[in-house]
Amino acid sequence: MVDFLNSPPFIEFARHLTGDPAIRMVSAIAVRYRPGHFLRAHNDHAGNEDRAFAYVMNLSRDWLPDWGGLLHFLDPAERRVVDTFTPLWNSLSLFRVPQPHVVSLVAPWAGAPRYSITGWFRRN
């Protein structure tokens, strides 16, 4: 998957999608959120990496919003939720870095783990 994401055709796709011709590479992490898992507030900034955009490839079929695992975007000043992305099957969530966000707690009654591949479109 990492080789595919860093192939010349995909890098060109990422540049076209974002309008950023400086994107040079894509990082990737396979993620499985099970009941009780979450991700606290952060903005994806990393001092040693020029992360231009964060992405989430959602790989969970038939995910229900009341199972949690939602990607919530936060107002930088007030730290309140201003937008939410539900992890829909075969969808791509893409957003600029830095952007404060959280992944909400996956509920105990979730019918399956929440799977995704996530990472960053980077300039270095």
PDB file of N, CA and C in Angstrom:
ATOM      1  N   MET A   1       0.821  -1.185   0.000  1.00  0.00           N
ATOM      2  CA  MET A   1       0.000   0.000   0.000  1.00  0.00           C
ATOM      3  C   MET A   1       0.870   1.256   0.000  1.00  0.00           C
ATOM      4  N   VAL A   2       1.919   1.256   0.818  1.00  0.00           N
ATOM      5  CA  VAL A   2       2.801   2.422   0.872  1.00  0.00           C
ATOM      6  C   VAL A   2       3.463   2.656  -0.489  1.00  0.00           C
ATOM      7  N   ASP A   3       3.866   1.567  -1.151  1.00  0.00           N
ATOM      8  CA  ASP A   3       4.459   1.710  -2.491  1.00  0.00           C
ATOM      9  C   ASP A   3       3.451   2.313  -3.465  1.00  0.00           C
ATOM     10  N   PHE A   4       2.213   1.843  -3.425  1.00  0.00           N
ATOM     11  CA  PHE A   4       1.179   2.382  -4.303  1.00  0.00           C
ATOM     12  C   PHE A   4       0.959   3.869  -4.030  1.00  0.00           C
ATOM     13  N   LEU A   5       0.842   4.241  -2.753  1.00  0.00           N
ATOM     14  CA  LEU A   5       0.588   5.635  -2.393  1.00  0.00           C
ATOM     15  C   LEU A   5       1.734   6.559  -2.797  1.00  0.00           C
ATOM     16  N   ASN A   6       2.935   6.006  -2.926  1.00  0.00           N
ATOM     17  CA  ASN A   6       4.090   6.804  -3.316  1.00  0.00           C
ATOM     18  C   ASN A   6       4.480   6.613  -4.779  1.00  0.00           C
ATOM     19  N   SER A   7       3.620   5.949  -5.537  1.00  0.00           N
ATOM     20  CA  SER A   7       3.884   5.785  -6.969  1.00  0.00           C
ATOM     21  C   SER A   7       3.677   7.116  -7.683  1.00  0.00           C
ATOM     22  N   PRO A   8       4.390   7.342  -8.781  1.00  0.00           N
ATOM     23  CA  PRO A   8       4.211   8.610  -9.513  1.00  0.00           C
ATOM     24  C   PRO A   8       2.755   8.914  -9.879  1.00  0.00           C
ATOM     25  N   PRO A   9       1.943   7.923 -10.332  1.00  0.00           N
ATOM     26  CA  PRO A   9       0.549   8.274 -10.640  1.00  0.00           C
ATOM     27  C   PRO A   9      -0.246   8.743  -9.413  1.00  0.00           C
ATOM     28  N   PHE A  10      -0.023   8.116  -8.247  1.00  0.00           N
ATOM     29  CA  PHE A  10      -0.780   8.537  -7.065  1.00  0.00           C
ATOM     30  C   PHE A  10      -0.293   9.892  -6.560  1.00  0.00           C
ATOM     31  N   ILE A  11       1.016  10.124  -6.579  1.00  0.00           N
ATOM     32  CA  ILE A  11       1.534  11.432  -6.158  1.00  0.00           C
ATOM     33  C   ILE A  11       0.951  12.522  -7.055  1.00  0.00           C
ATOM     34  N   GLU A  12       0.866  12.261  -8.345  1.00  0.00           N
ATOM     35  CA  GLU A  12       0.262  13.231  -9.258  1.00  0.00           C
ATOM     36  C   GLU A  12      -1.214  13.437  -8.933  1.00  0.00           C
ATOM     37  N   PHE A  13      -1.922  12.354  -8.616  1.00  0.00           N
ATOM     38  CA  PHE A  13      -3.321  12.453  -8.196  1.00  0.00           C
ATOM     39  C   PHE A  13      -3.446  13.324  -6.942  1.00  0.00           C
ATOM     40  N   ALA A  14      -2.572  13.104  -5.945  1.00  0.00           N
ATOM     41  CA  ALA A  14      -2.610  13.883  -4.703  1.00  0.00           C
ATOM     42  C   ALA A  14      -2.366  15.360  -4.987  1.00  0.00           C
ATOM     43  N   ARG A  15      -1.436  15.647  -5.875  1.00  0.00           N
ATOM     44  CA  ARG A  15      -1.162  17.048  -6.244  1.00  0.00           C
ATOM     45  C   ARG A  15      -2.384  17.669  -6.910  1.00  0.00           C
ATOM     46  N   HIS A  16      -2.996  16.928  -7.817  1.00  0.00           N
ATOM     47  CA  HIS A  16      -4.176  17.436  -8.524  1.00  0.00           C
ATOM     48  C   HIS A  16      -5.347  17.626  -7.551  1.00  0.00           C
ATOM     49  N   LEU A  17      -5.584  16.641  -6.692  1.00  0.00           N
ATOM     50  CA  LEU A  17      -6.692  16.692  -5.743  1.00  0.00           C
ATOM     51  C   LEU A  17      -6.587  17.883  -4.805  1.00  0.00           C
ATOM     52  N   THR A  18      -5.384  18.143  -4.318  1.00  0.00           N
ATOM     53  CA  THR A  18      -5.188  19.191  -3.319  1.00  0.00           C
ATOM     54  C   THR A  18      -4.831  20.548  -3.927  1.00  0.00           C
ATOM     55  N   GLY A  19      -4.383  20.546  -5.167  1.00  0.00           N
ATOM     56  CA  GLY A  19      -3.899  21.782  -5.773  1.00  0.00           C
ATOM     57  C   GLY A  19      -2.525  22.181  -5.276  1.00  0.00           C
ATOM     58  N   ASP A  20      -1.816  21.251  -4.630  1.00  0.00           N
ATOM     59  CA  ASP A  20      -0.494  21.536  -4.068  1.00  0.00           C
ATOM     60  C   ASP A  20       0.578  20.804  -4.871  1.00  0.00           C
ATOM     61  N   PRO A  21       1.286  21.494  -5.770  1.00  0.00           N
ATOM     62  CA  PRO A  21       2.286  20.833  -6.601  1.00  0.00           C
ATOM     63  C   PRO A  21       3.543  20.415  -5.849  1.00  0.00           C
ATOM     64  N   ALA A  22       3.678  20.836  -4.584  1.00  0.00           N
ATOM     65  CA  ALA A  22       4.874  20.524  -3.807  1.00  0.00           C
ATOM     66  C   ALA A  22       4.801  19.176  -3.090  1.00  0.00           C
ATOM     67  N   ILE A  23       3.673  18.479  -3.154  1.00  0.00           N
ATOM     68  CA  ILE A  23       3.564  17.177  -2.479  1.00  0.00           C
ATOM     69  C   ILE A  23       4.562  16.214  -3.112  1.00  0.00           C
ATOM     70  N   ARG A  24       5.372  15.587  -2.256  1.00  0.00           N
ATOM     71  CA  ARG A  24       6.431  14.692  -2.735  1.00  0.00           C
ATOM     72  C   ARG A  24       6.275  13.252  -2.269  1.00  0.00           C
ATOM     73  N   MET A  25       5.544  13.039  -1.163  1.00  0.00           N
ATOM     74  CA  MET A  25       5.417  11.678  -0.640  1.00  0.00           C
ATOM     75  C   MET A  25       4.149  11.537   0.197  1.00  0.00           C
ATOM     76  N   VAL A  26       3.787  10.281   0.446  1.00  0.00           N
ATOM     77  CA  VAL A  26       2.611   9.963   1.254  1.00  0.00           C
ATOM     78  C   VAL A  26       3.033   8.952   2.312  1.00  0.00           C
ATOM     79  N   SER A  27       2.687   9.229   3.558  1.00  0.00           N
ATOM     80  CA  SER A  27       2.909   8.256   4.633  1.00  0.00           C
ATOM     81  C   SER A  27       1.602   7.514   4.874  1.00  0.00           C
ATOM     82  N   ALA A  28       1.694   6.339   5.491  1.00  0.00           N
ATOM     83  CA  ALA A  28       0.490   5.531   5.705  1.00  0.00           C
ATOM     84  C   ALA A  28       0.615   4.700   6.974  1.00  0.00           C
ATOM     85  N   ILE A  29      -0.498   4.605   7.683  1.00  0.00           N
ATOM     86  CA  ILE A  29      -0.604   3.788   8.888  1.00  0.00           C
ATOM     87  C   ILE A  29      -1.917   3.013   8.793  1.00  0.00           C
ATOM     88  N   ALA A  30      -1.878   1.722   9.025  1.00  0.00           N
ATOM     89  CA  ALA A  30      -3.104   0.924   9.111  1.00  0.00           C
ATOM     90  C   ALA A  30      -3.642   1.058  10.537  1.00  0.00           C
ATOM     91  N   VAL A  31      -4.945   1.350  10.655  1.00  0.00           N
ATOM     92  CA  VAL A  31      -5.541   1.637  11.961  1.00  0.00           C
ATOM     93  C   VAL A  31      -6.763   0.751  12.185  1.00  0.00           C
ATOM     94  N   ARG A  32      -6.866   0.228  13.410  1.00  0.00           N
ATOM     95  CA  ARG A  32      -8.058  -0.524  13.824  1.00  0.00           C
ATOM     96  C   ARG A  32      -8.504   0.023  15.178  1.00  0.00           C
ATOM     97  N   TYR A  33      -9.666   0.650  15.177  1.00  0.00           N
ATOM     98  CA  TYR A  33     -10.275   1.126  16.423  1.00  0.00           C
ATOM     99  C   TYR A  33     -11.292   0.080  16.865  1.00  0.00           C
ATOM    100  N   ARG A  34     -11.121  -0.432  18.070  1.00  0.00           N
ATOM    101  CA  ARG A  34     -12.075  -1.364  18.661  1.00  0.00           C
ATOM    102  C   ARG A  34     -12.857  -0.629  19.745  1.00  0.00           C
ATOM    103  N   PRO A  35     -13.926  -1.244  20.281  1.00  0.00           N
ATOM    104  CA  PRO A  35     -14.678  -0.585  21.353  1.00  0.00           C
ATOM    105  C   PRO A  35     -13.735  -0.072  22.452  1.00  0.00           C
ATOM    106  N   GLY A  36     -13.970   1.184  22.846  1.00  0.00           N
ATOM    107  CA  GLY A  36     -13.137   1.826  23.855  1.00  0.00           C
ATOM    108  C   GLY A  36     -11.981   2.628  23.280  1.00  0.00           C
ATOM    109  N   HIS A  37     -11.681   2.454  21.997  1.00  0.00           N
ATOM    110  CA  HIS A  37     -10.588   3.203  21.389  1.00  0.00           C
ATOM    111  C   HIS A  37     -11.064   4.577  20.939  1.00  0.00           C
ATOM    112  N   PHE A  38     -10.152   5.538  20.940  1.00  0.00           N
ATOM    113  CA  PHE A  38     -10.434   6.910  20.526  1.00  0.00           C
ATOM    114  C   PHE A  38      -9.103   7.581  20.245  1.00  0.00           C
ATOM    115  N   LEU A  39      -9.141   8.808  19.763  1.00  0.00           N
ATOM    116  CA  LEU A  39      -7.943   9.610  19.553  1.00  0.00           C
ATOM    117  C   LEU A  39      -8.226  11.001  20.094  1.00  0.00           C
ATOM    118  N   ARG A  40      -7.416  11.421  21.039  1.00  0.00           N
ATOM    119  CA  ARG A  40      -7.620  12.728  21.687  1.00  0.00           C
ATOM    120  C   ARG A  40      -7.321  13.874  20.743  1.00  0.00           C
ATOM    121  N   ALA A  41      -7.682  15.082  21.157  1.00  0.00           N
ATOM    122  CA  ALA A  41      -7.503  16.282  20.341  1.00  0.00           C
ATOM    123  C   ALA A  41      -6.033  16.482  19.969  1.00  0.00           C
ATOM    124  N   HIS A  42      -5.815  16.750  18.694  1.00  0.00           N
ATOM    125  CA  HIS A  42      -4.484  17.025  18.156  1.00  0.00           C
ATOM    126  C   HIS A  42      -4.657  17.724  16.810  1.00  0.00           C
ATOM    127  N   ASN A  43      -3.561  18.166  16.212  1.00  0.00           N
ATOM    128  CA  ASN A  43      -3.671  18.884  14.943  1.00  0.00           C
ATOM    129  C   ASN A  43      -2.792  18.315  13.834  1.00  0.00           C
ATOM    130  N   ASP A  44      -2.098  17.221  14.083  1.00  0.00           N
ATOM    131  CA  ASP A  44      -1.243  16.513  13.121  1.00  0.00           C
ATOM    132  C   ASP A  44       0.027  17.258  12.747  1.00  0.00           C
ATOM    133  N   HIS A  45       0.304  18.393  13.354  1.00  0.00           N
ATOM    134  CA  HIS A  45       1.558  19.096  13.071  1.00  0.00           C
ATOM    135  C   HIS A  45       2.723  18.264  13.594  1.00  0.00           C
ATOM    136  N   ALA A  46       3.765  18.155  12.809  1.00  0.00           N
ATOM    137  CA  ALA A  46       4.997  17.479  13.229  1.00  0.00           C
ATOM    138  C   ALA A  46       6.166  18.362  12.803  1.00  0.00           C
ATOM    139  N   GLY A  47       6.988  18.736  13.742  1.00  0.00           N
ATOM    140  CA  GLY A  47       8.068  19.667  13.466  1.00  0.00           C
ATOM    141  C   GLY A  47       9.034  19.230  12.389  1.00  0.00           C
ATOM    142  N   ASN A  48       9.300  17.933  12.280  1.00  0.00           N
ATOM    143  CA  ASN A  48      10.292  17.450  11.320  1.00  0.00           C
ATOM    144  C   ASN A  48       9.688  17.003   9.993  1.00  0.00           C
ATOM    145  N   GLU A  49       8.386  17.065   9.840  1.00  0.00           N
ATOM    146  CA  GLU A  49       7.722  16.669   8.599  1.00  0.00           C
ATOM    147  C   GLU A  49       6.862  17.822   8.116  1.00  0.00           C
ATOM    148  N   ASP A  50       6.904  18.069   6.825  1.00  0.00           N
ATOM    149  CA  ASP A  50       6.049  19.096   6.235  1.00  0.00           C
ATOM    150  C   ASP A  50       4.760  18.429   5.770  1.00  0.00           C
ATOM    151  N   ARG A  51       3.851  18.216   6.717  1.00  0.00           N
ATOM    152  CA  ARG A  51       2.562  17.588   6.433  1.00  0.00           C
ATOM    153  C   ARG A  51       1.610  18.642   5.879  1.00  0.00           C
ATOM    154  N   ALA A  52       1.251  18.496   4.616  1.00  0.00           N
ATOM    155  CA  ALA A  52       0.364  19.469   3.983  1.00  0.00           C
ATOM    156  C   ALA A  52      -1.104  19.121   4.214  1.00  0.00           C
ATOM    157  N   PHE A  53      -1.424  17.823   4.088  1.00  0.00           N
ATOM    158  CA  PHE A  53      -2.799  17.347   4.229  1.00  0.00           C
ATOM    159  C   PHE A  53      -2.778  16.022   4.970  1.00  0.00           C
ATOM    160  N   ALA A  54      -3.794  15.804   5.792  1.00  0.00           N
ATOM    161  CA  ALA A  54      -4.033  14.501   6.408  1.00  0.00           C
ATOM    162  C   ALA A  54      -5.136  13.815   5.627  1.00  0.00           C
ATOM    163  N   TYR A  55      -5.095  12.487   5.596  1.00  0.00           N
ATOM    164  CA  TYR A  55      -6.139  11.738   4.905  1.00  0.00           C
ATOM    165  C   TYR A  55      -6.536  10.522   5.736  1.00  0.00           C
ATOM    166  N   VAL A  56      -7.746  10.065   5.505  1.00  0.00           N
ATOM    167  CA  VAL A  56      -8.246   8.820   6.093  1.00  0.00           C
ATOM    168  C   VAL A  56      -8.989   8.074   4.994  1.00  0.00           C
ATOM    169  N   MET A  57      -8.496   6.888   4.641  1.00  0.00           N
ATOM    170  CA  MET A  57      -9.225   5.992   3.738  1.00  0.00           C
ATOM    171  C   MET A  57     -10.052   5.075   4.622  1.00  0.00           C
ATOM    172  N   ASN A  58     -11.351   5.228   4.578  1.00  0.00           N
ATOM    173  CA  ASN A  58     -12.257   4.488   5.458  1.00  0.00           C
ATOM    174  C   ASN A  58     -12.572   3.118   4.874  1.00  0.00           C
ATOM    175  N   LEU A  59     -12.353   2.073   5.674  1.00  0.00           N
ATOM    176  CA  LEU A  59     -12.471   0.696   5.200  1.00  0.00           C
ATOM    177  C   LEU A  59     -13.450  -0.147   6.007  1.00  0.00           C
ATOM    178  N   SER A  60     -14.344   0.494   6.716  1.00  0.00           N
ATOM    179  CA  SER A  60     -15.335  -0.242   7.512  1.00  0.00           C
ATOM    180  C   SER A  60     -16.675  -0.228   6.785  1.00  0.00           C
ATOM    181  N   ARG A  61     -17.168  -1.408   6.457  1.00  0.00           N
ATOM    182  CA  ARG A  61     -18.471  -1.516   5.791  1.00  0.00           C
ATOM    183  C   ARG A  61     -19.594  -1.308   6.806  1.00  0.00           C
ATOM    184  N   ASP A  62     -20.654  -0.637   6.369  1.00  0.00           N
ATOM    185  CA  ASP A  62     -21.890  -0.515   7.150  1.00  0.00           C
ATOM    186  C   ASP A  62     -21.688   0.111   8.531  1.00  0.00           C
ATOM    187  N   TRP A  63     -20.753   1.071   8.626  1.00  0.00           N
ATOM    188  CA  TRP A  63     -20.513   1.734   9.910  1.00  0.00           C
ATOM    189  C   TRP A  63     -21.704   2.620  10.267  1.00  0.00           C
ATOM    190  N   LEU A  64     -22.140   2.553  11.516  1.00  0.00           N
ATOM    191  CA  LEU A  64     -23.260   3.362  11.989  1.00  0.00           C
ATOM    192  C   LEU A  64     -22.741   4.503  12.863  1.00  0.00           C
ATOM    193  N   PRO A  65     -23.267   5.708  12.701  1.00  0.00           N
ATOM    194  CA  PRO A  65     -22.772   6.841  13.485  1.00  0.00           C
ATOM    195  C   PRO A  65     -22.849   6.636  14.995  1.00  0.00           C
ATOM    196  N   ASP A  66     -23.859   5.898  15.488  1.00  0.00           N
ATOM    197  CA  ASP A  66     -23.954   5.728  16.942  1.00  0.00           C
ATOM    198  C   ASP A  66     -22.934   4.726  17.484  1.00  0.00           C
ATOM    199  N   TRP A  67     -22.104   4.163  16.602  1.00  0.00           N
ATOM    200  CA  TRP A  67     -20.991   3.319  17.051  1.00  0.00           C
ATOM    201  C   TRP A  67     -19.792   4.166  17.462  1.00  0.00           C
ATOM    202  N   GLY A  68     -19.832   5.489  17.216  1.00  0.00           N
ATOM    203  CA  GLY A  68     -18.691   6.350  17.532  1.00  0.00           C
ATOM    204  C   GLY A  68     -17.646   6.260  16.437  1.00  0.00           C
ATOM    205  N   GLY A  69     -16.390   6.519  16.816  1.00  0.00           N
ATOM    206  CA  GLY A  69     -15.319   6.491  15.827  1.00  0.00           C
ATOM    207  C   GLY A  69     -15.441   7.588  14.780  1.00  0.00           C
ATOM    208  N   LEU A  70     -16.143   8.675  15.127  1.00  0.00           N
ATOM    209  CA  LEU A  70     -16.375   9.773  14.200  1.00  0.00           C
ATOM    210  C   LEU A  70     -15.204  10.748  14.227  1.00  0.00           C
ATOM    211  N   LEU A  71     -14.887  11.299  13.067  1.00  0.00           N
ATOM    212  CA  LEU A  71     -13.835  12.298  12.959  1.00  0.00           C
ATOM    213  C   LEU A  71     -14.465  13.668  13.179  1.00  0.00           C
ATOM    214  N   HIS A  72     -14.177  14.264  14.337  1.00  0.00           N
ATOM    215  CA  HIS A  72     -14.732  15.567  14.702  1.00  0.00           C
ATOM    216  C   HIS A  72     -13.661  16.641  14.513  1.00  0.00           C
ATOM    217  N   PHE A  73     -14.021  17.705  13.816  1.00  0.00           N
ATOM    218  CA  PHE A  73     -13.133  18.851  13.660  1.00  0.00           C
ATOM    219  C   PHE A  73     -13.516  19.898  14.695  1.00  0.00           C
ATOM    220  N   LEU A  74     -12.495  20.524  15.269  1.00  0.00           N
ATOM    221  CA  LEU A  74     -12.692  21.446  16.374  1.00  0.00           C
ATOM    222  C   LEU A  74     -12.364  22.873  15.973  1.00  0.00           C
ATOM    223  N   ASP A  75     -13.115  23.818  16.514  1.00  0.00           N
ATOM    224  CA  ASP A  75     -12.784  25.225  16.382  1.00  0.00           C
ATOM    225  C   ASP A  75     -11.475  25.445  17.134  1.00  0.00           C
ATOM    226  N   PRO A  76     -10.457  26.025  16.494  1.00  0.00           N
ATOM    227  CA  PRO A  76      -9.163  26.170  17.166  1.00  0.00           C
ATOM    228  C   PRO A  76      -9.205  26.995  18.445  1.00  0.00           C
ATOM    229  N   ALA A  77     -10.072  27.983  18.503  1.00  0.00           N
ATOM    230  CA  ALA A  77     -10.111  28.857  19.679  1.00  0.00           C
ATOM    231  C   ALA A  77     -10.977  28.289  20.794  1.00  0.00           C
ATOM    232  N   GLU A  78     -12.144  27.789  20.440  1.00  0.00           N
ATOM    233  CA  GLU A  78     -13.101  27.363  21.459  1.00  0.00           C
ATOM    234  C   GLU A  78     -13.064  25.864  21.749  1.00  0.00           C
ATOM    235  N   ARG A  79     -12.391  25.097  20.892  1.00  0.00           N
ATOM    236  CA  ARG A  79     -12.281  23.635  21.045  1.00  0.00           C
ATOM    237  C   ARG A  79     -13.648  22.955  21.082  1.00  0.00           C
ATOM    238  N   ARG A  80     -14.585  23.485  20.298  1.00  0.00           N
ATOM    239  CA  ARG A  80     -15.895  22.836  20.177  1.00  0.00           C
ATOM    240  C   ARG A  80     -15.977  22.202  18.791  1.00  0.00           C
ATOM    241  N   VAL A  81     -16.827  21.212  18.634  1.00  0.00           N
ATOM    242  CA  VAL A  81     -16.985  20.517  17.358  1.00  0.00           C
ATOM    243  C   VAL A  81     -17.681  21.438  16.365  1.00  0.00           C
ATOM    244  N   VAL A  82     -17.078  21.600  15.188  1.00  0.00           N
ATOM    245  CA  VAL A  82     -17.655  22.441  14.140  1.00  0.00           C
ATOM    246  C   VAL A  82     -18.018  21.640  12.891  1.00  0.00           C
ATOM    247  N   ASP A  83     -17.527  20.408  12.791  1.00  0.00           N
ATOM    248  CA  ASP A  83     -17.871  19.542  11.665  1.00  0.00           C
ATOM    249  C   ASP A  83     -17.544  18.108  12.052  1.00  0.00           C
ATOM    250  N   THR A  84     -18.222  17.161  11.404  1.00  0.00           N
ATOM    251  CA  THR A  84     -18.019  15.743  11.691  1.00  0.00           C
ATOM    252  C   THR A  84     -18.049  14.955  10.399  1.00  0.00           C
ATOM    253  N   PHE A  85     -17.101  14.029  10.254  1.00  0.00           N
ATOM    254  CA  PHE A  85     -17.098  13.083   9.140  1.00  0.00           C
ATOM    255  C   PHE A  85     -17.380  11.694   9.706  1.00  0.00           C
ATOM    256  N   THR A  86     -18.366  11.022   9.146  1.00  0.00           N
ATOM    257  CA  THR A  86     -18.657   9.631   9.506  1.00  0.00           C
ATOM    258  C   THR A  86     -17.801   8.735   8.629  1.00  0.00           C
ATOM    259  N   PRO A  87     -17.175   7.693   9.182  1.00  0.00           N
ATOM    260  CA  PRO A  87     -16.304   6.832   8.389  1.00  0.00           C
ATOM    261  C   PRO A  87     -17.098   5.897   7.465  1.00  0.00           C
ATOM    262  N   LEU A  88     -17.480   6.413   6.322  1.00  0.00           N
ATOM    263  CA  LEU A  88     -18.258   5.643   5.350  1.00  0.00           C
ATOM    264  C   LEU A  88     -17.347   4.745   4.521  1.00  0.00           C
ATOM    265  N   TRP A  89     -17.814   3.553   4.216  1.00  0.00           N
ATOM    266  CA  TRP A  89     -17.065   2.569   3.443  1.00  0.00           C
ATOM    267  C   TRP A  89     -16.510   3.180   2.153  1.00  0.00           C
ATOM    268  N   ASN A  90     -15.239   2.922   1.914  1.00  0.00           N
ATOM    269  CA  ASN A  90     -14.583   3.276   0.663  1.00  0.00           C
ATOM    270  C   ASN A  90     -14.603   4.783   0.394  1.00  0.00           C
ATOM    271  N   SER A  91     -14.570   5.583   1.454  1.00  0.00           N
ATOM    272  CA  SER A  91     -14.535   7.032   1.291  1.00  0.00           C
ATOM    273  C   SER A  91     -13.173   7.564   1.721  1.00  0.00           C
ATOM    274  N   LEU A  92     -12.853   8.739   1.225  1.00  0.00           N
ATOM    275  CA  LEU A  92     -11.607   9.415   1.564  1.00  0.00           C
ATOM    276  C   LEU A  92     -11.941  10.714   2.285  1.00  0.00           C
ATOM    277  N   SER A  93     -11.421  10.858   3.500  1.00  0.00           N
ATOM    278  CA  SER A  93     -11.514  12.120   4.232  1.00  0.00           C
ATOM    279  C   SER A  93     -10.159  12.807   4.089  1.00  0.00           C
ATOM    280  N   LEU A  94     -10.174  14.081   3.709  1.00  0.00           N
ATOM    281  CA  LEU A  94      -8.951  14.824   3.440  1.00  0.00           C
ATOM    282  C   LEU A  94      -9.076  16.208   4.050  1.00  0.00           C
ATOM    283  N   PHE A  95      -8.026  16.647   4.758  1.00  0.00           N
ATOM    284  CA  PHE A  95      -8.072  17.981   5.353  1.00  0.00           C
ATOM    285  C   PHE A  95      -6.662  18.527   5.535  1.00  0.00           C
ATOM    286  N   ARG A  96      -6.590  19.864   5.519  1.00  0.00           N
ATOM    287  CA  ARG A  96      -5.306  20.552   5.691  1.00  0.00           C
ATOM    288  C   ARG A  96      -4.751  20.356   7.100  1.00  0.00           C
ATOM    289  N   VAL A  97      -3.440  20.366   7.179  1.00  0.00           N
ATOM    290  CA  VAL A  97      -2.727  20.325   8.455  1.00  0.00           C
ATOM    291  C   VAL A  97      -2.068  21.693   8.641  1.00  0.00           C
ATOM    292  N   PRO A  98      -2.104  22.271   9.829  1.00  0.00           N
ATOM    293  CA  PRO A  98      -2.717  21.762  11.053  1.00  0.00           C
ATOM    294  C   PRO A  98      -4.217  22.066  11.107  1.00  0.00           C
ATOM    295  N   GLN A  99      -4.963  21.143  11.661  1.00  0.00           N
ATOM    296  CA  GLN A  99      -6.409  21.285  11.865  1.00  0.00           C
ATOM    297  C   GLN A  99      -6.764  20.490  13.120  1.00  0.00           C
ATOM    298  N   PRO A 100      -7.213  21.154  14.180  1.00  0.00           N
ATOM    299  CA  PRO A 100      -7.564  20.417  15.400  1.00  0.00           C
ATOM    300  C   PRO A 100      -8.717  19.436  15.143  1.00  0.00           C
ATOM    301  N   HIS A 101      -8.546  18.201  15.624  1.00  0.00           N
ATOM    302  CA  HIS A 101      -9.576  17.175  15.435  1.00  0.00           C
ATOM    303  C   HIS A 101      -9.408  16.065  16.462  1.00  0.00           C
ATOM    304  N   VAL A 102     -10.438  15.239  16.576  1.00  0.00           N
ATOM    305  CA  VAL A 102     -10.449  14.063  17.447  1.00  0.00           C
ATOM    306  C   VAL A 102     -11.154  12.933  16.702  1.00  0.00           C
ATOM    307  N   VAL A 103     -10.920  11.711  17.147  1.00  0.00           N
ATOM    308  CA  VAL A 103     -11.750  10.572  16.745  1.00  0.00           C
ATOM    309  C   VAL A 103     -12.486  10.156  18.004  1.00  0.00           C
ATOM    310  N   SER A 104     -13.819  10.177  17.925  1.00  0.00           N
ATOM    311  CA  SER A 104     -14.624   9.898  19.119  1.00  0.00           C
ATOM    312  C   SER A 104     -14.514   8.427  19.536  1.00  0.00           C
ATOM    313  N   LEU A 105     -14.847   8.198  20.789  1.00  0.00           N
ATOM    314  CA  LEU A 105     -14.800   6.871  21.387  1.00  0.00           C
ATOM    315  C   LEU A 105     -15.668   5.884  20.604  1.00  0.00           C
ATOM    316  N   VAL A 106     -15.095   4.726  20.275  1.00  0.00           N
ATOM    317  CA  VAL A 106     -15.888   3.664  19.660  1.00  0.00           C
ATOM    318  C   VAL A 106     -16.696   2.998  20.779  1.00  0.00           C
ATOM    319  N   ALA A 107     -18.004   2.938  20.573  1.00  0.00           N
ATOM    320  CA  ALA A 107     -18.929   2.455  21.601  1.00  0.00           C
ATOM    321  C   ALA A 107     -18.775   0.964  21.880  1.00  0.00           C
ATOM    322  N   PRO A 108     -19.117   0.540  23.097  1.00  0.00           N
ATOM    323  CA  PRO A 108     -19.062  -0.885  23.432  1.00  0.00           C
ATOM    324  C   PRO A 108     -19.968  -1.732  22.545  1.00  0.00           C
ATOM    325  N   TRP A 109     -21.042  -1.140  22.003  1.00  0.00           N
ATOM    326  CA  TRP A 109     -21.986  -1.897  21.171  1.00  0.00           C
ATOM    327  C   TRP A 109     -21.646  -1.855  19.680  1.00  0.00           C
ATOM    328  N   ALA A 110     -20.507  -1.260  19.331  1.00  0.00           N
ATOM    329  CA  ALA A 110     -20.125  -1.220  17.913  1.00  0.00           C
ATOM    330  C   ALA A 110     -20.091  -2.636  17.360  1.00  0.00           C
ATOM    331  N   GLY A 111     -20.664  -2.813  16.187  1.00  0.00           N
ATOM    332  CA  GLY A 111     -20.800  -4.133  15.598  1.00  0.00           C
ATOM    333  C   GLY A 111     -19.545  -4.691  14.961  1.00  0.00           C
ATOM    334  N   ALA A 112     -18.498  -3.869  14.852  1.00  0.00           N
ATOM    335  CA  ALA A 112     -17.247  -4.299  14.218  1.00  0.00           C
ATOM    336  C   ALA A 112     -16.177  -3.262  14.543  1.00  0.00           C
ATOM    337  N   PRO A 113     -14.911  -3.599  14.364  1.00  0.00           N
ATOM    338  CA  PRO A 113     -13.862  -2.581  14.493  1.00  0.00           C
ATOM    339  C   PRO A 113     -13.970  -1.552  13.362  1.00  0.00           C
ATOM    340  N   ARG A 114     -13.429  -0.382  13.603  1.00  0.00           N
ATOM    341  CA  ARG A 114     -13.354   0.671  12.578  1.00  0.00           C
ATOM    342  C   ARG A 114     -11.961   0.594  11.963  1.00  0.00           C
ATOM    343  N   TYR A 115     -11.904   0.266  10.678  1.00  0.00           N
ATOM    344  CA  TYR A 115     -10.641   0.109   9.963  1.00  0.00           C
ATOM    345  C   TYR A 115     -10.397   1.288   9.031  1.00  0.00           C
ATOM    346  N   SER A 116      -9.135   1.687   8.927  1.00  0.00           N
ATOM    347  CA  SER A 116      -8.771   2.734   7.979  1.00  0.00           C
ATOM    348  C   SER A 116      -7.281   2.687   7.690  1.00  0.00           C
ATOM    349  N   ILE A 117      -6.916   3.343   6.630  1.00  0.00           N
ATOM    350  CA  ILE A 117      -5.527   3.672   6.359  1.00  0.00           C
ATOM    351  C   ILE A 117      -5.469   5.182   6.426  1.00  0.00           C
ATOM    352  N   THR A 118      -4.545   5.670   7.226  1.00  0.00           N
ATOM    353  CA  THR A 118      -4.461   7.109   7.438  1.00  0.00           C
ATOM    354  C   THR A 118      -3.013   7.555   7.330  1.00  0.00           C
ATOM    355  N   GLY A 119      -2.825   8.813   7.065  1.00  0.00           N
ATOM    356  CA  GLY A 119      -1.472   9.355   6.963  1.00  0.00           C
ATOM    357  C   GLY A 119      -1.505  10.775   6.464  1.00  0.00           C
ATOM    358  N   TRP A 120      -0.422  11.158   5.798  1.00  0.00           N
ATOM    359  CA  TRP A 120      -0.270  12.547   5.391  1.00  0.00           C
ATOM    360  C   TRP A 120       0.306  12.641   3.995  1.00  0.00           C
ATOM    361  N   PHE A 121      -0.175  13.631   3.261  1.00  0.00           N
ATOM    362  CA  PHE A 121       0.465  14.048   2.021  1.00  0.00           C
ATOM    363  C   PHE A 121       1.530  15.047   2.444  1.00  0.00           C
ATOM    364  N   ARG A 122       2.785  14.720   2.149  1.00  0.00           N
ATOM    365  CA  ARG A 122       3.894  15.509   2.671  1.00  0.00           C
ATOM    366  C   ARG A 122       4.679  16.210   1.569  1.00  0.00           C
ATOM    367  N   ARG A 123       5.299  17.304   1.970  1.00  0.00           N
ATOM    368  CA  ARG A 123       6.152  18.049   1.042  1.00  0.00           C
ATOM    369  C   ARG A 123       7.624  17.660   1.197  1.00  0.00           C
ATOM    370  N   ASN A 124       7.946  16.872   2.230  1.00  0.00           N
ATOM    371  CA  ASN A 124       9.343  16.414   2.400  1.00  0.00           C
ATOM    372  C   ASN A 124       9.377  14.947   2.734  1.00  0.00           C
TER     373      ASN A 124
END
